Protein backbone atom coordinates (compact mmCIF):
# COMPACT_ATOMS: atom_id res chain seq x y z
CA MET A 1 68.33 102.28 165.58
CA LYS A 2 71.39 103.04 163.49
CA ALA A 3 70.74 104.84 160.19
CA VAL A 4 71.94 102.97 157.05
CA ASN A 5 74.86 104.75 155.38
CA PHE A 6 74.58 105.58 151.69
CA SER A 7 76.63 107.11 148.90
CA LEU A 8 74.52 108.93 146.28
CA PRO A 9 74.99 111.76 143.76
CA ASP A 10 73.17 115.04 144.13
CA GLN A 11 71.72 117.33 141.42
CA ASN A 12 75.28 118.53 140.67
CA ASN A 13 76.70 114.99 140.57
CA LYS A 14 78.51 115.50 143.90
CA ILE A 15 78.52 112.35 146.02
CA HIS A 16 77.05 112.51 149.50
CA THR A 17 77.31 109.86 152.18
CA LEU A 18 75.52 109.85 155.49
CA ALA A 19 78.89 109.48 157.18
CA ASP A 20 79.86 112.94 155.76
CA TYR A 21 77.40 114.48 158.22
CA LYS A 22 78.47 112.73 161.44
CA GLY A 23 78.19 115.22 164.29
CA GLN A 24 75.19 117.00 162.76
CA TRP A 25 71.44 116.41 162.81
CA VAL A 26 70.28 115.16 159.40
CA VAL A 27 66.82 115.10 157.86
CA VAL A 28 66.61 112.43 155.20
CA TYR A 29 63.36 112.69 153.34
CA PHE A 30 62.20 110.30 150.62
CA TYR A 31 59.78 111.55 148.05
CA PRO A 32 58.08 109.97 145.03
CA ARG A 33 58.89 112.27 142.08
CA ASP A 34 60.43 115.60 141.06
CA ASP A 35 58.10 118.41 140.09
CA THR A 36 54.81 116.79 141.19
CA PRO A 37 52.37 118.80 143.33
CA GLY A 38 53.01 117.14 146.73
CA CYS A 39 56.75 116.75 146.24
CA THR A 40 57.09 120.36 145.15
CA LYS A 41 55.18 121.59 148.21
CA GLU A 42 57.35 119.48 150.49
CA ALA A 43 60.62 120.60 148.86
CA CYS A 44 59.57 124.25 148.88
CA GLY A 45 58.67 123.95 152.55
CA PHE A 46 62.22 122.86 153.31
CA ARG A 47 63.58 125.63 151.07
CA ASP A 48 61.47 128.22 152.88
CA LYS A 49 62.72 127.01 156.29
CA SER A 50 66.33 126.54 155.21
CA GLN A 51 67.66 129.41 157.36
CA PRO A 52 66.34 128.00 160.68
CA TYR A 53 67.81 124.63 159.66
CA LYS A 54 71.18 126.23 158.86
CA ASP A 55 71.07 128.23 162.12
CA GLN A 56 70.79 124.92 164.04
CA ASN A 57 73.36 123.12 161.85
CA ILE A 58 70.74 120.68 160.56
CA VAL A 59 71.30 119.09 157.13
CA ILE A 60 68.42 118.45 154.73
CA LEU A 61 68.81 115.62 152.16
CA GLY A 62 66.00 114.73 149.75
CA ILE A 63 66.11 111.32 148.03
CA SER A 64 64.08 109.89 145.14
CA LYS A 65 64.69 107.45 142.29
CA ASP A 66 64.76 110.34 139.75
CA SER A 67 67.94 110.96 137.80
CA VAL A 68 70.62 113.55 138.55
CA ALA A 69 69.42 115.52 135.48
CA SER A 70 65.81 115.47 136.73
CA HIS A 71 66.93 116.65 140.18
CA LYS A 72 68.96 119.48 138.65
CA LYS A 73 65.98 120.71 136.67
CA PHE A 74 63.70 120.49 139.74
CA ALA A 75 66.21 122.21 142.02
CA GLU A 76 66.79 125.06 139.56
CA LYS A 77 63.09 125.56 138.81
CA TYR A 78 62.21 126.00 142.48
CA HIS A 79 65.55 127.43 143.73
CA LEU A 80 66.14 124.51 146.09
CA THR A 81 69.25 125.05 148.19
CA PHE A 82 69.84 121.56 149.59
CA PRO A 83 71.01 118.30 148.03
CA LEU A 84 68.54 116.12 146.15
CA LEU A 85 70.09 112.66 145.94
CA SER A 86 69.45 110.28 143.09
CA ASP A 87 68.88 106.62 143.93
CA GLU A 88 68.02 105.13 140.58
CA SER A 89 68.98 101.62 141.85
CA LYS A 90 66.49 102.11 144.74
CA ASP A 91 69.01 100.38 147.08
CA THR A 92 68.92 103.19 149.65
CA ILE A 93 65.18 103.68 149.27
CA LYS A 94 64.63 100.00 150.02
CA ALA A 95 67.18 99.96 152.89
CA TYR A 96 65.09 102.68 154.58
CA ASP A 97 61.85 100.78 153.87
CA ALA A 98 60.65 103.66 151.74
CA TRP A 99 59.60 101.49 148.80
CA GLY A 100 56.24 99.82 148.84
CA GLU A 101 52.70 99.48 147.69
CA LYS A 102 50.83 102.62 146.77
CA LYS A 103 47.30 103.30 145.51
CA PHE A 104 46.36 106.06 143.09
CA LEU A 105 43.12 106.43 141.13
CA GLY A 106 42.08 102.93 142.11
CA LYS A 107 45.28 101.37 140.83
CA THR A 108 47.85 99.59 143.05
CA PHE A 109 51.54 99.81 142.20
CA GLU A 110 55.01 99.84 143.75
CA GLY A 111 56.75 103.18 144.32
CA VAL A 112 58.68 105.49 146.59
CA LEU A 113 56.79 106.21 149.80
CA ARG A 114 56.82 109.67 151.28
CA LYS A 115 58.83 109.03 154.42
CA THR A 116 61.26 111.06 156.54
CA PHE A 117 63.94 110.18 159.05
CA LEU A 118 65.42 112.47 161.68
CA ILE A 119 68.95 111.27 162.35
CA ASP A 120 70.97 112.48 165.36
CA PRO A 121 74.65 113.51 165.36
CA GLU A 122 75.72 109.91 166.28
CA GLY A 123 73.88 108.44 163.28
CA GLU A 124 70.89 107.09 165.22
CA ILE A 125 67.37 107.43 163.80
CA ARG A 126 65.54 109.45 166.43
CA LYS A 127 62.22 109.79 164.67
CA THR A 128 60.49 108.35 161.60
CA TYR A 129 57.70 110.22 159.85
CA ASP A 130 55.40 107.79 157.99
CA LYS A 131 52.57 110.24 157.60
CA VAL A 132 53.79 113.53 156.11
CA ASP A 133 51.81 116.75 155.82
CA VAL A 134 53.70 118.29 152.93
CA LEU A 135 52.68 121.85 153.82
CA ASN A 136 53.90 121.78 157.46
CA HIS A 137 56.51 119.03 157.43
CA ALA A 138 59.62 121.29 157.59
CA GLU A 139 58.23 123.23 160.56
CA THR A 140 57.05 120.07 162.34
CA ILE A 141 60.64 118.62 162.23
CA LEU A 142 62.13 121.87 163.58
CA GLN A 143 59.69 121.68 166.51
CA ASP A 144 60.44 118.01 167.11
CA ILE A 145 64.21 118.60 167.22
CA LYS A 146 63.71 121.12 170.02
CA GLY A 147 61.97 118.40 171.99
CA VAL A 148 64.63 115.72 171.46
């Protein structure tokens, strides 16, 4: 399945499109909110594995509905070295089916689902991660790419 192209600003207001990364493996991960416990663990996991990703020419892109300013604060606080893209309109989030019903403390609401896509150099989605273990996610993807 072809990945949907997007054009979104990162924490430094630089625009990124999926097409910019044609010819490379891309990890696009959607996460609910900056600086929350699970999202911080997931982002720091990618940060801590950033060298093996760079060594294999794999791009990491995080996407949430938080603002550019929020992403900048989050990236600086945790020394994140990869783009965090802001999708305040939720158009890209919805295009990737990463918006939906969530439950927390007995309440049901709509929000960003924690979901990751592994996109190959031709722009095809090779794997979708619907259930994410935030502590081991970055390593799991590295292992999966070896098997693809």
